[in-house]
Amino acid sequence: MTGAAARTDWRPVRVIGVPDSLILFDGVCVLCSFWVRFVIDRDRAAQFHFAPVQSPIGAELAARLGIDPENPETNAVILDGRAYFKSDAALAVLSHLPRWPWVRLLHIVPRPLRDWCYDCVAGSRYRLFGRTDRCMMPTPDITARFLSENPTASPRSL
C-alpha cells in the first residue's frame, strides 16, 4: 500500500517492505503508551517491535498506510505482510500473546461493531486518558524493540 491519503476503509491490506510484528502507535497518547507497555510485559518472545507515529520513521509509515500522522485515528500492526487496523490490530496483537489466543473468538463480532467500539475509545482517548508533550521514552532494557532505522530493515536487526 502506498500514498498519504487518509483511509476510510480500515480492512487489512497487504504491505511490502515493512517488517513483520511491528506495532505503529500514537506515542503521545497515554492509553496507546499503556498498550505498548501491556504488550511488552506479555510478549516474552519479544516478537513485537514498536514505532510511534511522531517519529520520522513512524510518520513515514503512517502516511504510507493512510494514517494521518498529525491526528492518528488508529494504531496498526504488521503481521505476515499485512497491515491490520483498529479492532483487527488489537485482536491480532492479543492473539499472538501467551494466554490471549482466546480473543480470536471476538472475530465473531462484526468488524463494523468492533470498530465502532474502538472508535468510541480512540476518539476520546486524550480526554479520558491524557496526552503527553513527547513520545514515550523506552527504558534501556526495551530500547532495541523500538524502530529507529529504516522501516524496511529487519526488526531482528534492531
N, C-alpha and C. Protein backbone atom coordinates (compact mmCIF):
# COMPACT_ATOMS: atom_id res chain seq x y z
N MET A 1 0.86 -1.18 0.00
CA MET A 1 0.00 0.00 0.00
C MET A 1 0.90 1.23 0.00
N THR A 2 0.54 2.22 -0.77
CA THR A 2 1.29 3.46 -0.79
C THR A 2 0.33 4.63 -0.80
N GLY A 3 0.88 5.82 -0.58
CA GLY A 3 0.06 7.02 -0.63
C GLY A 3 -0.17 7.61 0.73
N ALA A 4 -0.37 8.93 0.77
CA ALA A 4 -0.55 9.61 2.03
C ALA A 4 -2.00 10.01 2.27
N ALA A 5 -2.91 9.60 1.39
CA ALA A 5 -4.31 9.96 1.56
C ALA A 5 -4.89 9.23 2.77
N ALA A 6 -5.75 9.93 3.50
CA ALA A 6 -6.38 9.33 4.67
C ALA A 6 -7.29 8.19 4.21
N ARG A 7 -7.28 7.13 4.96
CA ARG A 7 -8.10 5.95 4.63
C ARG A 7 -9.49 6.11 5.19
N THR A 8 -10.42 5.47 4.53
CA THR A 8 -11.78 5.36 5.07
C THR A 8 -12.16 3.90 5.23
N ASP A 9 -11.44 3.02 4.56
CA ASP A 9 -11.66 1.58 4.65
C ASP A 9 -10.49 1.00 5.44
N TRP A 10 -10.78 0.50 6.62
CA TRP A 10 -9.73 0.05 7.52
C TRP A 10 -9.57 -1.47 7.54
N ARG A 11 -10.00 -2.14 6.48
CA ARG A 11 -9.76 -3.59 6.40
C ARG A 11 -8.27 -3.85 6.23
N PRO A 12 -7.80 -5.03 6.62
CA PRO A 12 -6.38 -5.34 6.46
C PRO A 12 -5.95 -5.23 4.99
N VAL A 13 -4.71 -4.78 4.81
CA VAL A 13 -4.15 -4.64 3.47
C VAL A 13 -2.75 -5.25 3.43
N ARG A 14 -2.36 -5.72 2.26
CA ARG A 14 -1.02 -6.25 2.06
C ARG A 14 -0.04 -5.09 2.00
N VAL A 15 1.11 -5.25 2.65
CA VAL A 15 2.17 -4.24 2.60
C VAL A 15 3.49 -4.94 2.24
N ILE A 16 4.33 -4.20 1.56
CA ILE A 16 5.63 -4.74 1.15
C ILE A 16 6.72 -3.87 1.74
N GLY A 17 7.79 -4.51 2.19
CA GLY A 17 8.94 -3.77 2.67
C GLY A 17 8.82 -3.23 4.08
N VAL A 18 7.88 -3.75 4.85
CA VAL A 18 7.72 -3.33 6.24
C VAL A 18 7.91 -4.58 7.09
N PRO A 19 8.73 -4.49 8.13
CA PRO A 19 8.99 -5.69 8.94
C PRO A 19 7.74 -6.18 9.67
N ASP A 20 7.65 -7.51 9.74
CA ASP A 20 6.54 -8.12 10.48
C ASP A 20 6.66 -7.85 11.97
N SER A 21 5.54 -7.96 12.64
CA SER A 21 5.44 -7.81 14.09
C SER A 21 5.77 -6.40 14.54
N LEU A 22 5.49 -5.43 13.68
CA LEU A 22 5.71 -4.02 14.01
C LEU A 22 4.39 -3.37 14.39
N ILE A 23 4.37 -2.73 15.55
CA ILE A 23 3.18 -2.01 16.01
C ILE A 23 3.46 -0.52 15.87
N LEU A 24 2.61 0.16 15.11
CA LEU A 24 2.67 1.60 14.94
C LEU A 24 1.65 2.20 15.90
N PHE A 25 2.08 3.14 16.73
CA PHE A 25 1.19 3.66 17.77
C PHE A 25 1.35 5.16 17.95
N ASP A 26 0.37 5.78 18.57
CA ASP A 26 0.39 7.21 18.90
C ASP A 26 1.22 7.38 20.16
N GLY A 27 2.45 7.86 19.99
CA GLY A 27 3.39 7.93 21.10
C GLY A 27 3.09 8.98 22.15
N VAL A 28 2.21 9.93 21.88
CA VAL A 28 1.86 10.93 22.89
C VAL A 28 0.56 10.60 23.61
N CYS A 29 -0.08 9.53 23.20
CA CYS A 29 -1.34 9.10 23.82
C CYS A 29 -1.02 8.21 25.02
N VAL A 30 -1.51 8.58 26.18
CA VAL A 30 -1.26 7.80 27.39
C VAL A 30 -1.83 6.39 27.26
N LEU A 31 -3.03 6.26 26.71
CA LEU A 31 -3.62 4.94 26.53
C LEU A 31 -2.79 4.09 25.56
N CYS A 32 -2.34 4.68 24.47
CA CYS A 32 -1.55 3.94 23.48
C CYS A 32 -0.21 3.51 24.06
N SER A 33 0.41 4.37 24.86
CA SER A 33 1.67 4.01 25.51
C SER A 33 1.44 2.90 26.54
N PHE A 34 0.30 2.93 27.22
CA PHE A 34 -0.05 1.84 28.14
C PHE A 34 -0.19 0.54 27.34
N TRP A 35 -0.82 0.61 26.16
CA TRP A 35 -0.99 -0.57 25.30
C TRP A 35 0.39 -1.15 24.94
N VAL A 36 1.34 -0.30 24.60
CA VAL A 36 2.68 -0.77 24.26
C VAL A 36 3.31 -1.46 25.46
N ARG A 37 3.21 -0.86 26.63
CA ARG A 37 3.77 -1.48 27.84
C ARG A 37 3.08 -2.81 28.14
N PHE A 38 1.76 -2.86 27.94
CA PHE A 38 0.99 -4.09 28.14
C PHE A 38 1.54 -5.20 27.23
N VAL A 39 1.75 -4.88 25.97
CA VAL A 39 2.27 -5.87 25.02
C VAL A 39 3.68 -6.29 25.42
N ILE A 40 4.55 -5.34 25.71
CA ILE A 40 5.93 -5.66 26.09
C ILE A 40 5.96 -6.58 27.30
N ASP A 41 5.15 -6.30 28.31
CA ASP A 41 5.14 -7.11 29.53
C ASP A 41 4.69 -8.55 29.29
N ARG A 42 3.91 -8.79 28.25
CA ARG A 42 3.36 -10.13 27.99
C ARG A 42 4.05 -10.84 26.83
N ASP A 43 4.81 -10.12 26.04
CA ASP A 43 5.46 -10.67 24.86
C ASP A 43 6.83 -11.23 25.25
N ARG A 44 6.82 -12.38 25.90
CA ARG A 44 8.06 -12.96 26.42
C ARG A 44 9.05 -13.32 25.31
N ALA A 45 8.56 -13.62 24.12
CA ALA A 45 9.43 -13.95 23.00
C ALA A 45 9.99 -12.70 22.32
N ALA A 46 9.55 -11.53 22.75
CA ALA A 46 9.99 -10.25 22.18
C ALA A 46 9.81 -10.21 20.67
N GLN A 47 8.67 -10.73 20.20
CA GLN A 47 8.40 -10.74 18.77
C GLN A 47 7.96 -9.38 18.24
N PHE A 48 7.29 -8.59 19.08
CA PHE A 48 6.77 -7.31 18.62
C PHE A 48 7.80 -6.19 18.78
N HIS A 49 7.77 -5.29 17.79
CA HIS A 49 8.59 -4.09 17.80
C HIS A 49 7.65 -2.91 17.62
N PHE A 50 8.13 -1.71 17.90
CA PHE A 50 7.23 -0.55 18.00
C PHE A 50 7.80 0.67 17.30
N ALA A 51 6.89 1.50 16.79
CA ALA A 51 7.27 2.78 16.20
C ALA A 51 6.17 3.79 16.48
N PRO A 52 6.49 4.87 17.20
CA PRO A 52 5.48 5.92 17.40
C PRO A 52 5.29 6.72 16.12
N VAL A 53 4.05 7.11 15.83
CA VAL A 53 3.78 7.89 14.62
C VAL A 53 4.47 9.25 14.66
N GLN A 54 4.87 9.71 15.82
CA GLN A 54 5.53 11.02 15.94
C GLN A 54 7.00 10.96 15.54
N SER A 55 7.56 9.78 15.41
CA SER A 55 8.95 9.67 14.97
C SER A 55 9.00 9.81 13.46
N PRO A 56 10.14 10.21 12.90
CA PRO A 56 10.22 10.34 11.43
C PRO A 56 9.85 9.04 10.70
N ILE A 57 10.35 7.92 11.19
CA ILE A 57 10.04 6.65 10.54
C ILE A 57 8.58 6.28 10.75
N GLY A 58 8.06 6.51 11.95
CA GLY A 58 6.66 6.22 12.23
C GLY A 58 5.73 7.08 11.39
N ALA A 59 6.07 8.36 11.23
CA ALA A 59 5.24 9.26 10.41
C ALA A 59 5.26 8.82 8.95
N GLU A 60 6.42 8.40 8.47
CA GLU A 60 6.54 7.92 7.09
C GLU A 60 5.68 6.68 6.88
N LEU A 61 5.78 5.74 7.82
CA LEU A 61 4.99 4.52 7.72
C LEU A 61 3.50 4.81 7.86
N ALA A 62 3.14 5.69 8.79
CA ALA A 62 1.73 6.06 8.97
C ALA A 62 1.16 6.62 7.67
N ALA A 63 1.89 7.55 7.07
CA ALA A 63 1.42 8.14 5.80
C ALA A 63 1.29 7.07 4.73
N ARG A 64 2.23 6.17 4.68
CA ARG A 64 2.18 5.08 3.70
C ARG A 64 0.95 4.20 3.91
N LEU A 65 0.55 4.02 5.16
CA LEU A 65 -0.61 3.19 5.48
C LEU A 65 -1.93 3.95 5.44
N GLY A 66 -1.86 5.25 5.16
CA GLY A 66 -3.08 6.06 5.11
C GLY A 66 -3.54 6.56 6.45
N ILE A 67 -2.64 6.59 7.43
CA ILE A 67 -2.94 7.11 8.76
C ILE A 67 -2.38 8.52 8.84
N ASP A 68 -3.19 9.47 9.25
CA ASP A 68 -2.74 10.84 9.39
C ASP A 68 -1.78 10.93 10.57
N PRO A 69 -0.49 11.19 10.34
CA PRO A 69 0.46 11.24 11.46
C PRO A 69 0.18 12.36 12.44
N GLU A 70 -0.52 13.40 11.99
CA GLU A 70 -0.84 14.53 12.87
C GLU A 70 -2.05 14.23 13.76
N ASN A 71 -2.90 13.35 13.32
CA ASN A 71 -4.12 13.01 14.07
C ASN A 71 -4.45 11.54 13.82
N PRO A 72 -3.64 10.64 14.36
CA PRO A 72 -3.87 9.21 14.07
C PRO A 72 -5.17 8.72 14.70
N GLU A 73 -5.98 8.09 13.89
CA GLU A 73 -7.24 7.55 14.41
C GLU A 73 -7.18 6.05 14.65
N THR A 74 -6.01 5.46 14.42
CA THR A 74 -5.84 4.04 14.66
C THR A 74 -4.38 3.71 14.90
N ASN A 75 -4.15 2.65 15.64
CA ASN A 75 -2.85 2.01 15.68
C ASN A 75 -2.84 1.02 14.54
N ALA A 76 -1.69 0.46 14.24
CA ALA A 76 -1.60 -0.56 13.20
C ALA A 76 -0.59 -1.60 13.63
N VAL A 77 -0.75 -2.81 13.12
CA VAL A 77 0.24 -3.85 13.33
C VAL A 77 0.47 -4.55 11.99
N ILE A 78 1.72 -4.89 11.74
CA ILE A 78 2.08 -5.61 10.53
C ILE A 78 2.36 -7.05 10.94
N LEU A 79 1.61 -7.97 10.37
CA LEU A 79 1.79 -9.40 10.63
C LEU A 79 1.66 -10.16 9.31
N ASP A 80 2.65 -11.00 9.03
CA ASP A 80 2.64 -11.81 7.81
C ASP A 80 2.40 -10.98 6.56
N GLY A 81 3.02 -9.80 6.49
CA GLY A 81 2.93 -8.97 5.31
C GLY A 81 1.61 -8.25 5.12
N ARG A 82 0.80 -8.19 6.17
CA ARG A 82 -0.48 -7.48 6.12
C ARG A 82 -0.53 -6.47 7.25
N ALA A 83 -1.12 -5.32 6.95
CA ALA A 83 -1.34 -4.30 7.97
C ALA A 83 -2.76 -4.42 8.48
N TYR A 84 -2.90 -4.47 9.80
CA TYR A 84 -4.20 -4.55 10.45
C TYR A 84 -4.42 -3.24 11.21
N PHE A 85 -5.66 -2.79 11.24
CA PHE A 85 -6.01 -1.51 11.84
C PHE A 85 -7.15 -1.68 12.84
N LYS A 86 -7.32 -0.67 13.68
CA LYS A 86 -8.43 -0.57 14.63
C LYS A 86 -8.58 -1.87 15.41
N SER A 87 -9.81 -2.40 15.51
CA SER A 87 -10.04 -3.59 16.33
C SER A 87 -9.30 -4.81 15.79
N ASP A 88 -9.14 -4.91 14.47
CA ASP A 88 -8.37 -6.02 13.90
C ASP A 88 -6.94 -6.02 14.42
N ALA A 89 -6.35 -4.83 14.54
CA ALA A 89 -4.97 -4.73 15.05
C ALA A 89 -4.89 -5.19 16.50
N ALA A 90 -5.80 -4.71 17.32
CA ALA A 90 -5.79 -5.10 18.74
C ALA A 90 -5.97 -6.60 18.90
N LEU A 91 -6.93 -7.17 18.17
CA LEU A 91 -7.17 -8.61 18.27
C LEU A 91 -5.99 -9.42 17.72
N ALA A 92 -5.38 -8.94 16.63
CA ALA A 92 -4.22 -9.64 16.06
C ALA A 92 -3.06 -9.67 17.05
N VAL A 93 -2.78 -8.55 17.69
CA VAL A 93 -1.68 -8.50 18.66
C VAL A 93 -2.00 -9.39 19.85
N LEU A 94 -3.17 -9.22 20.43
CA LEU A 94 -3.53 -10.02 21.61
C LEU A 94 -3.48 -11.52 21.31
N SER A 95 -3.94 -11.91 20.13
CA SER A 95 -3.99 -13.35 19.81
C SER A 95 -2.59 -13.95 19.67
N HIS A 96 -1.56 -13.14 19.54
CA HIS A 96 -0.19 -13.62 19.46
C HIS A 96 0.53 -13.62 20.81
N LEU A 97 -0.15 -13.18 21.85
CA LEU A 97 0.46 -13.15 23.18
C LEU A 97 0.08 -14.40 23.96
N PRO A 98 0.99 -14.89 24.81
CA PRO A 98 0.66 -16.05 25.64
C PRO A 98 -0.59 -15.78 26.49
N ARG A 99 -1.42 -16.76 26.59
CA ARG A 99 -2.67 -16.74 27.37
C ARG A 99 -3.75 -15.83 26.79
N TRP A 100 -3.55 -15.27 25.58
CA TRP A 100 -4.55 -14.41 24.99
C TRP A 100 -5.12 -14.94 23.66
N PRO A 101 -4.81 -16.15 23.21
CA PRO A 101 -5.34 -16.59 21.91
C PRO A 101 -6.87 -16.67 21.87
N TRP A 102 -7.49 -16.73 23.01
CA TRP A 102 -8.95 -16.81 23.07
C TRP A 102 -9.63 -15.58 22.46
N VAL A 103 -8.90 -14.46 22.34
CA VAL A 103 -9.53 -13.25 21.78
C VAL A 103 -9.91 -13.44 20.32
N ARG A 104 -9.35 -14.46 19.67
CA ARG A 104 -9.74 -14.75 18.27
C ARG A 104 -11.25 -14.95 18.17
N LEU A 105 -11.85 -15.42 19.26
CA LEU A 105 -13.30 -15.63 19.28
C LEU A 105 -14.06 -14.32 19.05
N LEU A 106 -13.45 -13.20 19.37
CA LEU A 106 -14.11 -11.91 19.19
C LEU A 106 -14.28 -11.53 17.72
N HIS A 107 -13.62 -12.26 16.83
CA HIS A 107 -13.82 -12.02 15.40
C HIS A 107 -15.24 -12.38 14.96
N ILE A 108 -15.96 -13.09 15.80
CA ILE A 108 -17.36 -13.39 15.50
C ILE A 108 -18.21 -12.11 15.50
N VAL A 109 -17.77 -11.13 16.29
CA VAL A 109 -18.45 -9.82 16.32
C VAL A 109 -18.13 -9.12 15.00
N PRO A 110 -19.12 -8.65 14.29
CA PRO A 110 -18.85 -7.99 13.00
C PRO A 110 -17.89 -6.81 13.15
N ARG A 111 -16.97 -6.69 12.18
CA ARG A 111 -15.96 -5.63 12.21
C ARG A 111 -16.58 -4.24 12.41
N PRO A 112 -17.69 -3.89 11.72
CA PRO A 112 -18.24 -2.54 11.93
C PRO A 112 -18.59 -2.27 13.40
N LEU A 113 -19.10 -3.27 14.10
CA LEU A 113 -19.43 -3.09 15.51
C LEU A 113 -18.16 -3.00 16.36
N ARG A 114 -17.18 -3.89 16.08
CA ARG A 114 -15.91 -3.84 16.81
C ARG A 114 -15.22 -2.49 16.60
N ASP A 115 -15.20 -2.02 15.34
CA ASP A 115 -14.53 -0.76 15.04
C ASP A 115 -15.29 0.44 15.62
N TRP A 116 -16.59 0.34 15.71
CA TRP A 116 -17.36 1.41 16.34
C TRP A 116 -16.95 1.55 17.82
N CYS A 117 -16.83 0.40 18.50
CA CYS A 117 -16.37 0.43 19.90
C CYS A 117 -14.95 0.99 19.99
N TYR A 118 -14.08 0.55 19.08
CA TYR A 118 -12.71 1.05 19.03
C TYR A 118 -12.72 2.58 18.85
N ASP A 119 -13.53 3.05 17.89
CA ASP A 119 -13.60 4.49 17.60
C ASP A 119 -14.12 5.30 18.79
N CYS A 120 -15.05 4.73 19.54
CA CYS A 120 -15.57 5.44 20.72
C CYS A 120 -14.45 5.72 21.72
N VAL A 121 -13.59 4.73 21.93
CA VAL A 121 -12.48 4.92 22.86
C VAL A 121 -11.40 5.80 22.22
N ALA A 122 -11.03 5.49 20.98
CA ALA A 122 -9.95 6.23 20.31
C ALA A 122 -10.29 7.71 20.15
N GLY A 123 -11.53 8.02 19.86
CA GLY A 123 -11.92 9.40 19.67
C GLY A 123 -11.89 10.23 20.94
N SER A 124 -11.94 9.57 22.08
CA SER A 124 -11.93 10.28 23.37
C SER A 124 -10.67 9.99 24.17
N ARG A 125 -9.68 9.33 23.56
CA ARG A 125 -8.52 8.85 24.33
C ARG A 125 -7.74 9.96 25.02
N TYR A 126 -7.58 11.10 24.38
CA TYR A 126 -6.83 12.19 25.02
C TYR A 126 -7.61 12.76 26.19
N ARG A 127 -8.91 12.91 26.01
CA ARG A 127 -9.75 13.48 27.06
C ARG A 127 -9.86 12.52 28.24
N LEU A 128 -10.01 11.22 27.95
CA LEU A 128 -10.21 10.23 29.02
C LEU A 128 -8.90 9.81 29.70
N PHE A 129 -7.83 9.67 28.92
CA PHE A 129 -6.60 9.10 29.46
C PHE A 129 -5.43 10.08 29.49
N GLY A 130 -5.51 11.14 28.70
CA GLY A 130 -4.45 12.14 28.70
C GLY A 130 -3.53 12.04 27.50
N ARG A 131 -2.71 13.07 27.41
CA ARG A 131 -1.77 13.20 26.31
C ARG A 131 -0.49 13.78 26.90
N THR A 132 0.64 13.32 26.41
CA THR A 132 1.92 13.84 26.89
C THR A 132 2.50 14.80 25.86
N ASP A 133 3.49 15.57 26.27
CA ASP A 133 4.13 16.52 25.35
C ASP A 133 5.09 15.84 24.39
N ARG A 134 5.59 14.68 24.78
CA ARG A 134 6.53 13.97 23.92
C ARG A 134 6.26 12.48 23.98
N CYS A 135 6.84 11.78 23.02
CA CYS A 135 6.64 10.33 22.90
C CYS A 135 7.18 9.59 24.11
N MET A 136 6.60 8.44 24.34
CA MET A 136 7.06 7.52 25.37
C MET A 136 8.54 7.25 25.15
N MET A 137 9.32 7.37 26.19
CA MET A 137 10.75 7.08 26.12
C MET A 137 10.98 5.67 26.64
N PRO A 138 11.43 4.76 25.78
CA PRO A 138 11.64 3.39 26.24
C PRO A 138 12.80 3.30 27.23
N THR A 139 12.67 2.42 28.18
CA THR A 139 13.74 2.17 29.12
C THR A 139 14.86 1.42 28.41
N PRO A 140 16.08 1.46 28.94
CA PRO A 140 17.21 0.82 28.25
C PRO A 140 16.97 -0.66 27.91
N ASP A 141 16.25 -1.38 28.76
CA ASP A 141 16.04 -2.80 28.51
C ASP A 141 15.09 -3.10 27.35
N ILE A 142 14.32 -2.10 26.89
CA ILE A 142 13.41 -2.33 25.76
C ILE A 142 13.70 -1.43 24.55
N THR A 143 14.75 -0.62 24.63
CA THR A 143 15.08 0.30 23.55
C THR A 143 15.24 -0.42 22.22
N ALA A 144 15.84 -1.59 22.21
CA ALA A 144 16.07 -2.35 20.98
C ALA A 144 14.77 -2.75 20.28
N ARG A 145 13.66 -2.69 21.00
CA ARG A 145 12.39 -3.08 20.40
C ARG A 145 11.68 -1.92 19.71
N PHE A 146 12.27 -0.74 19.75
CA PHE A 146 11.68 0.43 19.11
C PHE A 146 12.42 0.71 17.82
N LEU A 147 11.67 0.84 16.74
CA LEU A 147 12.26 1.04 15.42
C LEU A 147 12.96 2.38 15.37
N SER A 148 14.24 2.35 15.03
CA SER A 148 14.98 3.59 14.93
C SER A 148 15.73 3.67 13.61
N GLU A 149 15.49 2.69 12.75
CA GLU A 149 16.14 2.65 11.44
C GLU A 149 15.09 2.74 10.35
N ASN A 150 15.52 2.51 9.15
CA ASN A 150 14.62 2.46 8.00
C ASN A 150 13.56 1.39 8.25
N PRO A 151 12.26 1.69 7.98
CA PRO A 151 11.22 0.72 8.27
C PRO A 151 11.30 -0.54 7.42
N THR A 152 12.16 -0.58 6.40
CA THR A 152 12.32 -1.80 5.62
C THR A 152 13.36 -2.71 6.24
N ALA A 153 14.03 -2.25 7.30
CA ALA A 153 15.04 -3.06 7.97
C ALA A 153 14.36 -4.18 8.74
N SER A 154 15.07 -5.26 8.90
CA SER A 154 14.54 -6.39 9.66
C SER A 154 14.41 -6.00 11.13
N PRO A 155 13.26 -6.33 11.77
CA PRO A 155 13.15 -5.97 13.19
C PRO A 155 14.14 -6.73 14.05
N ARG A 156 14.63 -7.84 13.59
CA ARG A 156 15.60 -8.61 14.38
C ARG A 156 16.97 -7.94 14.37
N SER A 157 17.18 -6.99 13.42
CA SER A 157 18.49 -6.32 13.36
C SER A 157 18.51 -5.04 14.19
N LEU A 158 17.43 -4.73 14.85
CA LEU A 158 17.38 -3.51 15.64
C LEU A 158 18.28 -3.60 16.85
